[in-house]
Amino acid sequence: MVWIQRLAFFLLIFYISCTSEIQNNGNVFVIATYDDVADWDPATAYSLEVLPMSNIYEPLLWLDASDNDHKIIPGLATAYTKSKDGLVWKFALRKNVYFHDGQYFNADAVKYVIDRNKSFYRGASYIWSNVKEVRVDGEHDVTFILDKPVPLDRIVSSQYGAWMYSPATKNMSPDSIGSGFVAGTGPYMFNSWQRNHQIELVRNNTYWGGWDKPHYFETIQIRVVSESSTRLQMVESGLADYAVLIPNQLLDRLKNLDDVNVSFFPAWINHFYLLNTKKHPTDNVFVRRAIAAAFDRKKINQYIYGNLGRVPIGLIPSNTPLFIAPDSLISFDLQKAENYLKQSGLSNKEINIDFFYVSTSEEYRLTALTMFDNLRKIGINTKLKPGLWSTNWEKAKNIKTAPNIISMAWWPTYSSPSDWFFGLYETQKNPLFNLSYYSNPEVDSLITIAWEYETTQPEKSKKHYKAIQEKLIDDCVVIPASDLNVQSVYRADIHGLRANPAYSTLLIYNLERKSD
């Protein structure tokens, strides 16, 4: 097995050497990640696309959540005001900004983007649902008129669905849009995409922020490498500057390396497992509760996640704005799990479940094996089915191919508990991320009310978020596994990394390569 892994690594080095003339150029920033993008349209992209898109596109505002005093800072808007009732928001736009295709960024472009994004019923289009009208007041002035007083400053700073892109998109073919050619205003431009291999971005020489410092990278290469040990080897050897999702179990070998750093930053990300409420036998709430009672989250966090995570006390990360813990989660207790199975009325022969987990994550793999063993002890037969996230996701969106359990990670579109609840548990006719197929009108209503209260009555909003969690726990829709920290494995000559849990990405424009 070892020689096979080494051979695979050397073949990878040979392939990269043959296909990337600038691999050893210090002006190239190379990221080794575990899976490819699924959607290149900035209006609807809603997953791993945030990594390239946050370097290609920009929002009207950014949220700096690097410390407890969260700040809204200018993006493509330089200032904004809102009415006392929270229904009218006016934005002053940045001047002398151009899209990568040469189109001028102005109020008409903002209106085009919001109107187009609202027309979709997928991805993060829902973030604009309370925008009644976008009004152009001048070349660089735009007004948003809302039907309810939602926190628009957080919406326009979202990491999904809020990127500004060129109005020339309306003349592009679906193939061009789906291949990455929609122009943004960001510091880097799309250059090429080799599906399941590499994305390349190049410097936007006309970027409004300028290139007046010597440290900027000319090119970004995002390389898709599914094997975690190979991603780590790429950083160790200098083939990559940054590696994503390296198992904790592999990090010990870096302790004596001076040229590779490992850091952990606070994050608004959690790992959890959705239970299919429409597929036998997990359509039985007592089976779901039995599975939840067989989940030993304390042991999993201690021995599997380590520095990467902490034991959750709710269904969303405890450091998320407006978090409030539910009274309790279903605790680990195998005897209680057996009792739940008896209450289900099913015989052991009837309790066979499929368990999808992301194969590129060692944490998911080890957790799945732990679950497999615990479920076997209580009489549940489990078929483990590892796969790439993109593959698992496609299967899970079809009830005929969906599993009973699927591993999930979530990071927020915008800084609100509502993002977890809208995205994962609101009734969806054609599920996108509601992969538990859960539908509850009471929960749907509570999510909407809690979201609307965030700006005007935050304490009341928190109480509603607690009620939502209590209902989801009672219906046993999800098993929380770990509240995560962002792990960064990177070359020691890379400087400028900083924590901002509002964005699950790297902004390469802010990084530099220098020797100490």
Protein backbone atom coordinates (compact mmCIF):
# COMPACT_ATOMS: atom_id res chain seq x y z
CA MET A 1 0.00 0.00 0.00
CA VAL A 2 2.83 2.41 0.89
CA TRP A 3 4.58 1.94 -2.45
CA ILE A 4 1.28 2.54 -4.27
CA GLN A 5 0.78 5.83 -2.42
CA ARG A 6 4.35 6.90 -3.20
CA LEU A 7 3.94 5.97 -6.85
CA ALA A 8 0.71 7.97 -7.02
CA PHE A 9 2.45 10.98 -5.51
CA PHE A 10 5.38 10.84 -7.93
CA LEU A 11 2.99 10.42 -10.86
CA LEU A 12 1.13 13.49 -9.59
CA ILE A 13 4.39 15.47 -9.44
CA PHE A 14 5.24 14.37 -12.98
CA TYR A 15 1.78 15.32 -14.23
CA ILE A 16 1.86 18.73 -12.59
CA SER A 17 5.37 19.34 -13.89
CA CYS A 18 4.21 18.58 -17.42
CA THR A 19 1.01 20.62 -17.27
CA SER A 20 2.07 23.65 -15.24
CA GLU A 21 5.00 25.62 -16.56
CA ILE A 22 4.86 28.09 -13.67
CA GLN A 23 4.61 25.64 -10.76
CA ASN A 24 7.93 26.78 -9.21
CA ASN A 25 7.32 30.48 -9.75
CA GLY A 26 7.07 32.31 -6.44
CA ASN A 27 4.36 34.55 -7.91
CA VAL A 28 1.97 31.60 -8.12
CA PHE A 29 -0.18 30.66 -5.11
CA VAL A 30 -1.13 26.97 -5.23
CA ILE A 31 -4.01 25.51 -3.21
CA ALA A 32 -4.54 21.75 -2.92
CA THR A 33 -8.22 21.04 -2.29
CA TYR A 34 -10.35 17.92 -2.17
CA ASP A 35 -13.14 18.44 -4.72
CA ASP A 36 -14.14 20.56 -7.69
CA VAL A 37 -16.72 23.30 -8.12
CA ALA A 38 -20.24 22.28 -9.16
CA ASP A 39 -21.68 25.59 -10.41
CA TRP A 40 -19.86 28.54 -12.00
CA ASP A 41 -22.82 30.92 -12.01
CA PRO A 42 -22.19 33.48 -9.22
CA ALA A 43 -25.95 33.86 -8.81
CA THR A 44 -26.56 30.24 -7.83
CA ALA A 45 -23.19 28.74 -6.78
CA TYR A 46 -23.67 27.47 -3.24
CA SER A 47 -20.84 25.19 -2.15
CA LEU A 48 -17.09 24.89 -2.70
CA GLU A 49 -17.24 27.64 -5.35
CA VAL A 50 -16.68 30.24 -2.63
CA LEU A 51 -12.91 29.67 -2.85
CA PRO A 52 -12.40 30.82 -6.45
CA MET A 53 -15.39 33.18 -6.51
CA SER A 54 -14.30 35.24 -3.52
CA ASN A 55 -11.16 36.10 -5.47
CA ILE A 56 -12.99 36.82 -8.76
CA TYR A 57 -16.02 38.72 -7.46
CA GLU A 58 -16.79 41.23 -4.72
CA PRO A 59 -19.92 42.11 -2.70
CA LEU A 60 -21.25 45.57 -1.95
CA LEU A 61 -20.08 45.20 1.66
CA TRP A 62 -17.78 42.87 3.58
CA LEU A 63 -18.29 41.62 7.13
CA ASP A 64 -15.18 41.62 9.30
CA ALA A 65 -15.85 39.10 12.07
CA SER A 66 -12.20 38.69 13.04
CA ASP A 67 -12.95 39.79 16.62
CA ASN A 68 -15.99 40.05 18.85
CA ASP A 69 -16.77 43.54 17.57
CA HIS A 70 -18.08 42.63 14.11
CA LYS A 71 -17.68 45.41 11.56
CA ILE A 72 -19.30 46.06 8.20
CA ILE A 73 -16.63 47.44 5.88
CA PRO A 74 -16.83 48.88 2.35
CA GLY A 75 -16.71 46.67 -0.69
CA LEU A 76 -18.16 47.91 -3.97
CA ALA A 77 -20.31 50.25 -1.88
CA THR A 78 -18.46 52.95 0.03
CA ALA A 79 -21.31 54.01 2.35
CA TYR A 80 -24.92 53.20 3.17
CA THR A 81 -27.85 54.43 5.23
CA LYS A 82 -31.14 52.89 6.29
CA SER A 83 -34.49 54.35 7.27
CA LYS A 84 -35.75 54.20 10.86
CA ASP A 85 -38.21 51.46 9.97
CA GLY A 86 -35.46 49.42 8.28
CA LEU A 87 -37.32 49.19 4.97
CA VAL A 88 -35.28 51.59 2.82
CA TRP A 89 -31.52 51.23 2.36
CA LYS A 90 -29.43 53.59 0.23
CA PHE A 91 -25.96 52.69 -1.03
CA ALA A 92 -23.26 54.94 -2.48
CA LEU A 93 -21.23 52.91 -4.97
CA ARG A 94 -17.52 52.92 -5.58
CA LYS A 95 -16.49 54.90 -8.66
CA ASN A 96 -14.03 53.99 -11.41
CA VAL A 97 -14.57 50.26 -11.05
CA TYR A 98 -14.66 47.98 -14.10
CA PHE A 99 -15.64 44.38 -14.61
CA HIS A 100 -13.06 42.06 -16.13
CA ASP A 101 -14.84 42.31 -19.49
CA GLY A 102 -14.47 46.11 -19.54
CA GLN A 103 -18.06 46.88 -18.52
CA TYR A 104 -18.45 49.74 -16.04
CA PHE A 105 -19.69 48.94 -12.54
CA ASN A 106 -22.61 51.18 -11.60
CA ALA A 107 -26.12 51.21 -10.13
CA ASP A 108 -27.59 49.58 -13.24
CA ALA A 109 -25.23 46.65 -12.73
CA VAL A 110 -26.35 46.26 -9.11
CA LYS A 111 -30.01 46.26 -10.14
CA TYR A 112 -29.31 43.73 -12.90
CA VAL A 113 -27.56 41.35 -10.50
CA ILE A 114 -30.23 41.47 -7.79
CA ASP A 115 -33.11 41.15 -10.25
CA ARG A 116 -31.44 38.22 -11.98
CA ASN A 117 -30.53 36.48 -8.72
CA LYS A 118 -34.10 36.87 -7.45
CA SER A 119 -35.42 35.14 -10.56
CA PHE A 120 -33.78 31.86 -9.56
CA TYR A 121 -35.29 29.46 -7.09
CA ARG A 122 -32.10 27.68 -6.18
CA GLY A 123 -28.78 28.35 -4.54
CA ALA A 124 -28.79 31.41 -2.29
CA SER A 125 -31.47 33.27 -4.24
CA TYR A 126 -33.64 33.24 -1.11
CA ILE A 127 -31.45 35.90 0.53
CA TRP A 128 -33.16 38.51 -1.69
CA SER A 129 -36.72 37.38 -0.96
CA ASN A 130 -37.50 40.48 1.12
CA VAL A 131 -36.20 42.92 -1.50
CA LYS A 132 -39.30 44.40 -3.09
CA GLU A 133 -37.49 46.76 -5.46
CA VAL A 134 -34.01 47.93 -6.43
CA ARG A 135 -34.14 51.53 -7.61
CA VAL A 136 -31.41 53.28 -9.60
CA ASP A 137 -31.06 56.83 -8.25
CA GLY A 138 -28.00 57.81 -10.25
CA GLU A 139 -24.82 56.40 -11.77
CA HIS A 140 -23.41 55.53 -8.35
CA ASP A 141 -26.47 55.57 -6.10
CA VAL A 142 -28.91 52.72 -5.56
CA THR A 143 -31.83 52.17 -3.19
CA PHE A 144 -33.18 48.86 -1.89
CA ILE A 145 -36.83 48.85 -0.81
CA LEU A 146 -37.76 45.95 1.46
CA ASP A 147 -41.09 44.44 2.41
CA LYS A 148 -39.78 43.54 5.90
CA PRO A 149 -36.99 45.04 8.04
CA VAL A 150 -34.37 42.33 7.54
CA PRO A 151 -30.63 43.07 8.07
CA LEU A 152 -29.72 44.00 4.51
CA ASP A 153 -26.14 44.94 5.39
CA ARG A 154 -25.49 41.30 6.29
CA ILE A 155 -27.32 40.07 3.20
CA VAL A 156 -25.24 42.15 0.78
CA SER A 157 -22.07 40.93 2.55
CA SER A 158 -23.05 37.28 2.03
CA GLN A 159 -20.50 34.78 0.72
CA TYR A 160 -23.11 33.29 -1.61
CA GLY A 161 -25.57 35.01 -3.92
CA ALA A 162 -24.26 38.54 -3.30
CA TRP A 163 -21.31 38.74 -5.70
CA MET A 164 -21.51 41.56 -8.24
CA TYR A 165 -20.99 40.43 -11.83
CA SER A 166 -21.16 41.95 -15.29
CA PRO A 167 -24.54 42.74 -16.92
CA ALA A 168 -23.01 41.31 -20.10
CA THR A 169 -23.91 37.94 -18.59
CA LYS A 170 -27.37 38.34 -20.14
CA ASN A 171 -25.78 37.85 -23.58
CA MET A 172 -23.75 34.78 -22.59
CA SER A 173 -24.63 31.21 -23.43
CA PRO A 174 -25.32 28.72 -20.62
CA ASP A 175 -22.14 26.89 -21.62
CA SER A 176 -20.04 30.03 -21.17
CA ILE A 177 -21.66 30.81 -17.81
CA GLY A 178 -21.18 27.19 -16.73
CA SER A 179 -17.52 27.27 -17.69
CA GLY A 180 -16.51 30.17 -15.44
CA PHE A 181 -16.50 33.11 -17.84
CA VAL A 182 -18.86 35.47 -15.96
CA ALA A 183 -16.83 38.62 -15.29
CA GLY A 184 -16.38 40.08 -11.81
CA THR A 185 -14.56 43.10 -10.40
CA GLY A 186 -12.16 41.28 -8.07
CA PRO A 187 -8.36 41.23 -8.03
CA TYR A 188 -8.19 37.99 -10.01
CA MET A 189 -9.83 36.88 -13.24
CA PHE A 190 -10.90 33.44 -14.39
CA ASN A 191 -8.37 32.00 -16.83
CA SER A 192 -9.01 28.27 -17.20
CA TRP A 193 -10.70 25.24 -15.72
CA GLN A 194 -9.72 21.61 -16.19
CA ARG A 195 -12.63 19.76 -14.62
CA ASN A 196 -11.66 17.74 -11.54
CA HIS A 197 -8.05 18.82 -11.94
CA GLN A 198 -7.31 22.53 -11.78
CA ILE A 199 -8.74 26.06 -11.75
CA GLU A 200 -6.45 28.91 -12.70
CA LEU A 201 -7.03 32.59 -11.93
CA VAL A 202 -4.77 35.39 -13.13
CA ARG A 203 -4.19 38.94 -11.96
CA ASN A 204 -6.70 41.62 -12.98
CA ASN A 205 -4.33 44.41 -13.98
CA THR A 206 -7.07 47.06 -13.85
CA TYR A 207 -8.23 46.16 -10.34
CA TRP A 208 -9.53 49.26 -8.55
CA GLY A 209 -7.63 48.33 -5.37
CA GLY A 210 -4.34 48.63 -7.20
CA TRP A 211 -1.15 46.61 -7.29
CA ASP A 212 1.17 49.09 -5.63
CA LYS A 213 2.85 46.66 -3.26
CA PRO A 214 5.53 44.13 -4.21
CA HIS A 215 4.03 41.09 -2.52
CA TYR A 216 1.01 40.30 -4.71
CA PHE A 217 0.63 36.92 -6.38
CA GLU A 218 0.23 36.94 -10.16
CA THR A 219 -1.63 33.63 -10.44
CA ILE A 220 -3.79 31.36 -8.29
CA GLN A 221 -3.95 27.65 -9.04
CA ILE A 222 -6.56 25.55 -7.24
CA ARG A 223 -5.67 21.89 -7.73
CA VAL A 224 -8.18 19.14 -7.04
CA VAL A 225 -6.50 16.24 -5.23
CA SER A 226 -8.92 13.83 -3.57
CA GLU A 227 -6.35 11.95 -1.48
CA SER A 228 -5.60 13.84 1.75
CA SER A 229 -2.13 12.35 2.23
CA THR A 230 -1.19 13.53 -1.26
CA ARG A 231 -2.42 17.05 -0.50
CA LEU A 232 -0.21 17.06 2.58
CA GLN A 233 2.77 15.78 0.60
CA MET A 234 2.26 18.62 -1.87
CA VAL A 235 2.64 21.20 0.91
CA GLU A 236 5.59 19.37 2.43
CA SER A 237 7.40 19.26 -0.92
CA GLY A 238 6.55 22.83 -1.92
CA LEU A 239 4.22 21.82 -4.75
CA ALA A 240 1.40 23.60 -2.92
CA ASP A 241 1.31 26.63 -0.65
CA TYR A 242 -1.88 25.68 1.17
CA ALA A 243 -3.74 22.40 1.69
CA VAL A 244 -7.40 21.97 2.56
CA LEU A 245 -8.89 19.33 4.88
CA ILE A 246 -5.84 17.49 6.20
CA PRO A 247 -6.73 14.84 8.81
CA ASN A 248 -5.52 15.56 12.33
CA GLN A 249 -3.98 12.10 12.38
CA LEU A 250 -1.47 13.18 9.70
CA LEU A 251 -0.39 16.43 11.33
CA ASP A 252 2.06 14.94 13.83
CA ARG A 253 4.61 14.41 11.10
CA LEU A 254 4.78 18.18 10.57
CA LYS A 255 5.97 18.96 14.11
CA ASN A 256 9.64 18.96 13.18
CA LEU A 257 9.24 20.75 9.85
CA ASP A 258 10.28 24.40 9.88
CA ASP A 259 8.91 25.16 6.42
CA VAL A 260 5.27 24.12 7.05
CA ASN A 261 2.90 25.78 9.53
CA VAL A 262 -0.36 24.55 11.02
CA SER A 263 -2.84 27.03 12.50
CA PHE A 264 -6.39 26.78 13.80
CA PHE A 265 -8.78 29.73 13.53
CA PRO A 266 -12.31 30.23 14.93
CA ALA A 267 -15.04 29.36 12.45
CA TRP A 268 -18.79 29.34 11.99
CA ILE A 269 -18.69 25.80 10.61
CA ASN A 270 -20.03 22.54 11.95
CA HIS A 271 -20.09 18.87 11.02
CA PHE A 272 -23.32 16.94 11.44
CA TYR A 273 -25.35 14.04 10.07
CA LEU A 274 -28.77 14.44 8.48
CA LEU A 275 -31.28 11.62 8.94
CA ASN A 276 -33.66 10.93 6.07
CA THR A 277 -37.22 11.39 7.38
CA LYS A 278 -38.86 9.99 4.23
CA LYS A 279 -36.89 6.79 3.62
CA HIS A 280 -37.43 3.49 5.45
CA PRO A 281 -36.45 2.80 8.19
CA THR A 282 -35.34 6.31 9.24
CA ASP A 283 -38.83 7.57 8.42
CA ASN A 284 -39.56 6.17 11.90
CA VAL A 285 -38.68 8.79 14.54
CA PHE A 286 -37.72 6.12 17.09
CA VAL A 287 -35.17 4.65 14.70
CA ARG A 288 -33.74 8.13 14.25
CA ARG A 289 -33.58 8.62 18.01
CA ALA A 290 -31.85 5.27 18.40
CA ILE A 291 -29.20 6.34 15.89
CA ALA A 292 -28.74 9.65 17.72
CA ALA A 293 -28.37 7.89 21.09
CA ALA A 294 -25.65 5.69 19.57
CA PHE A 295 -23.58 8.75 18.63
CA ASP A 296 -20.74 9.39 21.11
CA ARG A 297 -19.87 13.00 20.27
CA LYS A 298 -17.57 13.49 23.27
CA LYS A 299 -15.37 10.55 22.30
CA ILE A 300 -15.43 11.55 18.64
CA ASN A 301 -14.29 15.10 19.41
CA GLN A 302 -11.61 13.97 21.84
CA TYR A 303 -10.03 11.26 19.72
CA ILE A 304 -10.92 12.13 16.12
CA TYR A 305 -11.31 15.90 15.82
CA GLY A 306 -8.83 17.05 18.47
CA ASN A 307 -7.82 20.68 17.85
CA LEU A 308 -10.03 20.77 14.78
CA GLY A 309 -13.29 20.80 16.72
CA ARG A 310 -15.15 21.03 19.99
CA VAL A 311 -18.19 19.26 21.42
CA PRO A 312 -21.36 20.97 20.16
CA ILE A 313 -24.07 22.15 22.53
CA GLY A 314 -26.60 22.99 19.82
CA LEU A 315 -27.43 22.51 16.16
CA ILE A 316 -25.34 25.48 15.02
CA PRO A 317 -21.83 26.52 16.16
CA SER A 318 -21.93 28.07 19.61
CA ASN A 319 -19.88 31.12 18.52
CA THR A 320 -22.39 32.10 15.81
CA PRO A 321 -24.08 35.49 16.31
CA LEU A 322 -27.41 35.18 18.18
CA PHE A 323 -26.63 31.61 19.24
CA ILE A 324 -28.65 30.22 22.11
CA ALA A 325 -28.33 26.62 23.24
CA PRO A 326 -31.29 24.24 23.32
CA ASP A 327 -32.09 22.62 26.65
CA SER A 328 -30.33 19.41 25.65
CA LEU A 329 -29.23 17.16 22.81
CA ILE A 330 -29.90 13.43 22.67
CA SER A 331 -27.04 12.04 24.75
CA PHE A 332 -24.93 8.95 24.07
CA ASP A 333 -26.55 5.95 25.74
CA LEU A 334 -26.62 2.54 24.05
CA GLN A 335 -29.25 1.20 26.45
CA LYS A 336 -31.51 4.12 25.62
CA ALA A 337 -30.80 3.50 21.93
CA GLU A 338 -31.98 -0.10 22.28
CA ASN A 339 -35.14 1.08 24.02
CA TYR A 340 -35.85 3.49 21.17
CA LEU A 341 -35.53 0.60 18.70
CA LYS A 342 -38.07 -1.40 20.68
CA GLN A 343 -40.45 1.57 20.55
CA SER A 344 -40.06 1.70 16.76
CA GLY A 345 -42.02 -1.55 16.42
CA LEU A 346 -39.54 -2.83 13.82
CA SER A 347 -37.58 -6.06 13.99
CA ASN A 348 -33.81 -6.00 13.60
CA LYS A 349 -34.16 -7.61 10.18
CA GLU A 350 -36.06 -4.53 9.00
CA ILE A 351 -33.45 -2.03 10.17
CA ASN A 352 -30.88 -1.75 7.41
CA ILE A 353 -29.52 1.69 6.62
CA ASP A 354 -27.25 3.33 4.06
CA PHE A 355 -24.67 5.78 5.39
CA PHE A 356 -23.02 8.25 2.97
CA TYR A 357 -19.92 10.08 4.14
CA VAL A 358 -17.35 12.26 2.41
CA SER A 359 -14.42 10.02 1.53
CA THR A 360 -11.90 12.87 1.40
CA SER A 361 -12.32 13.58 5.14
CA GLU A 362 -10.56 11.34 7.63
CA GLU A 363 -12.78 12.79 10.38
CA TYR A 364 -15.90 11.64 8.53
CA ARG A 365 -14.37 8.23 7.83
CA LEU A 366 -13.36 7.54 11.43
CA THR A 367 -16.67 8.87 12.74
CA ALA A 368 -18.54 6.60 10.31
CA LEU A 369 -16.55 3.58 11.52
CA THR A 370 -17.31 4.49 15.14
CA MET A 371 -20.99 4.83 14.29
CA PHE A 372 -20.94 1.54 12.37
CA ASP A 373 -19.63 -0.24 15.46
CA ASN A 374 -22.11 1.38 17.87
CA LEU A 375 -25.08 0.75 15.57
CA ARG A 376 -24.05 -2.88 15.18
CA LYS A 377 -24.13 -3.22 18.98
CA ILE A 378 -27.79 -2.18 19.10
CA GLY A 379 -28.85 -4.27 16.11
CA ILE A 380 -28.82 -1.78 13.23
CA ASN A 381 -27.18 -3.05 10.06
CA THR A 382 -25.27 -0.26 8.36
CA LYS A 383 -23.84 -0.12 4.86
CA LEU A 384 -21.08 2.51 4.68
CA LYS A 385 -20.84 4.27 1.32
CA PRO A 386 -17.93 6.72 1.05
CA GLY A 387 -17.78 9.12 -1.88
CA LEU A 388 -16.82 12.58 -3.00
CA TRP A 389 -19.09 15.31 -1.65
CA SER A 390 -20.25 16.24 -5.15
CA THR A 391 -21.24 12.61 -5.86
CA ASN A 392 -22.96 12.09 -2.51
CA TRP A 393 -24.84 15.36 -2.88
CA GLU A 394 -26.24 14.50 -6.32
CA LYS A 395 -27.47 11.12 -5.11
CA ALA A 396 -28.94 12.56 -1.92
CA LYS A 397 -31.05 15.10 -3.83
CA ASN A 398 -33.05 12.23 -5.38
CA ILE A 399 -35.17 10.33 -2.86
CA LYS A 400 -34.72 7.13 -4.89
CA THR A 401 -30.93 7.21 -4.47
CA ALA A 402 -30.75 9.13 -1.19
CA PRO A 403 -29.18 7.47 1.87
CA ASN A 404 -30.62 7.19 5.37
CA ILE A 405 -27.69 9.14 6.83
CA ILE A 406 -25.42 11.65 5.11
CA SER A 407 -22.41 13.51 6.48
CA MET A 408 -22.63 17.28 6.13
CA ALA A 409 -20.66 20.43 6.84
CA TRP A 410 -22.23 23.88 6.87
CA TRP A 411 -20.83 27.37 6.79
CA PRO A 412 -23.21 30.32 6.62
CA THR A 413 -24.20 32.27 3.56
CA TYR A 414 -24.56 35.29 5.86
CA SER A 415 -23.94 35.77 9.58
CA SER A 416 -27.18 34.49 11.04
CA PRO A 417 -28.51 31.27 12.62
CA SER A 418 -31.33 31.48 10.08
CA ASP A 419 -28.90 30.43 7.37
CA TRP A 420 -28.60 26.91 8.81
CA PHE A 421 -32.34 26.65 9.29
CA PHE A 422 -33.42 28.09 5.91
CA GLY A 423 -30.81 26.07 4.04
CA LEU A 424 -31.13 22.74 5.81
CA TYR A 425 -34.60 22.40 7.33
CA GLU A 426 -37.08 24.68 5.56
CA THR A 427 -39.53 22.75 3.41
CA GLN A 428 -38.10 22.26 -0.09
CA LYS A 429 -40.10 20.70 -2.90
CA ASN A 430 -36.89 19.87 -4.74
CA PRO A 431 -34.29 19.47 -1.99
CA LEU A 432 -31.01 21.31 -2.37
CA PHE A 433 -29.50 20.92 1.09
CA ASN A 434 -32.58 19.73 2.99
CA LEU A 435 -31.26 16.20 2.55
CA SER A 436 -33.28 14.93 5.51
CA TYR A 437 -36.43 15.67 3.43
CA TYR A 438 -37.85 17.31 6.53
CA SER A 439 -41.03 19.36 6.27
CA ASN A 440 -42.75 21.10 9.17
CA PRO A 441 -44.93 24.22 8.67
CA GLU A 442 -44.38 25.22 12.30
CA VAL A 443 -40.61 25.25 11.84
CA ASP A 444 -40.93 27.06 8.51
CA SER A 445 -42.91 29.81 10.22
CA LEU A 446 -40.53 30.08 13.18
CA ILE A 447 -37.52 30.44 10.87
CA THR A 448 -39.13 33.33 9.00
CA ILE A 449 -40.21 35.10 12.20
CA ALA A 450 -36.81 34.68 13.88
CA TRP A 451 -35.05 36.10 10.82
CA GLU A 452 -37.36 39.11 10.65
CA TYR A 453 -36.81 39.90 14.35
CA GLU A 454 -32.99 39.87 14.12
CA THR A 455 -32.67 43.60 13.43
CA THR A 456 -35.53 44.96 15.52
CA GLN A 457 -35.86 42.49 18.43
CA PRO A 458 -32.73 40.29 18.63
CA GLU A 459 -33.59 38.77 22.03
CA LYS A 460 -36.96 37.62 20.74
CA SER A 461 -35.18 36.27 17.67
CA LYS A 462 -32.86 34.19 19.88
CA LYS A 463 -35.84 32.63 21.68
CA HIS A 464 -37.32 31.58 18.35
CA TYR A 465 -33.99 30.05 17.28
CA LYS A 466 -33.98 28.04 20.50
CA ALA A 467 -37.53 26.84 19.80
CA ILE A 468 -36.51 25.76 16.29
CA GLN A 469 -33.65 23.70 17.67
CA GLU A 470 -35.89 22.08 20.29
CA LYS A 471 -38.35 21.02 17.60
CA LEU A 472 -35.62 19.63 15.32
CA ILE A 473 -34.13 17.70 18.23
CA ASP A 474 -37.53 16.30 19.19
CA ASP A 475 -38.14 15.20 15.58
CA CYS A 476 -34.52 13.95 15.49
CA VAL A 477 -33.68 15.29 12.07
CA VAL A 478 -29.96 15.87 12.62
CA ILE A 479 -27.07 14.64 14.77
CA PRO A 480 -24.52 17.40 15.51
CA ALA A 481 -20.96 16.05 15.53
CA SER A 482 -18.49 18.90 15.99
CA ASP A 483 -18.19 22.69 15.98
CA LEU A 484 -15.12 23.27 13.86
CA ASN A 485 -12.09 25.46 13.86
CA VAL A 486 -10.59 26.28 10.47
CA GLN A 487 -7.43 24.29 9.98
CA SER A 488 -4.73 25.96 7.89
CA VAL A 489 -1.78 23.89 6.64
CA TYR A 490 0.55 26.12 4.67
CA ARG A 491 4.12 26.91 3.72
CA ALA A 492 5.95 28.93 6.36
CA ASP A 493 6.81 31.70 3.90
CA ILE A 494 3.11 32.56 3.44
CA HIS A 495 2.03 35.52 5.57
CA GLY A 496 -1.23 37.41 6.04
CA LEU A 497 -3.62 34.62 7.01
CA ARG A 498 -6.22 35.85 9.48
CA ALA A 499 -9.43 34.58 10.97
CA ASN A 500 -12.74 35.80 9.59
CA PRO A 501 -15.46 33.22 10.27
CA ALA A 502 -17.90 35.10 8.01
CA TYR A 503 -16.09 33.72 4.94
CA SER A 504 -14.96 30.14 4.37
CA THR A 505 -12.26 31.02 1.89
CA LEU A 506 -8.82 32.52 1.29
CA LEU A 507 -8.52 36.06 -0.06
CA ILE A 508 -5.22 35.74 -1.88
CA TYR A 509 -4.92 39.47 -2.53
CA ASN A 510 -4.20 39.88 1.20
CA LEU A 511 -1.45 37.25 1.32
CA GLU A 512 2.25 37.47 0.59
CA ARG A 513 5.28 35.24 0.32
CA LYS A 514 8.30 36.33 2.31
CA SER A 515 11.18 34.78 4.20
CA ASP A 516 11.58 35.52 7.90
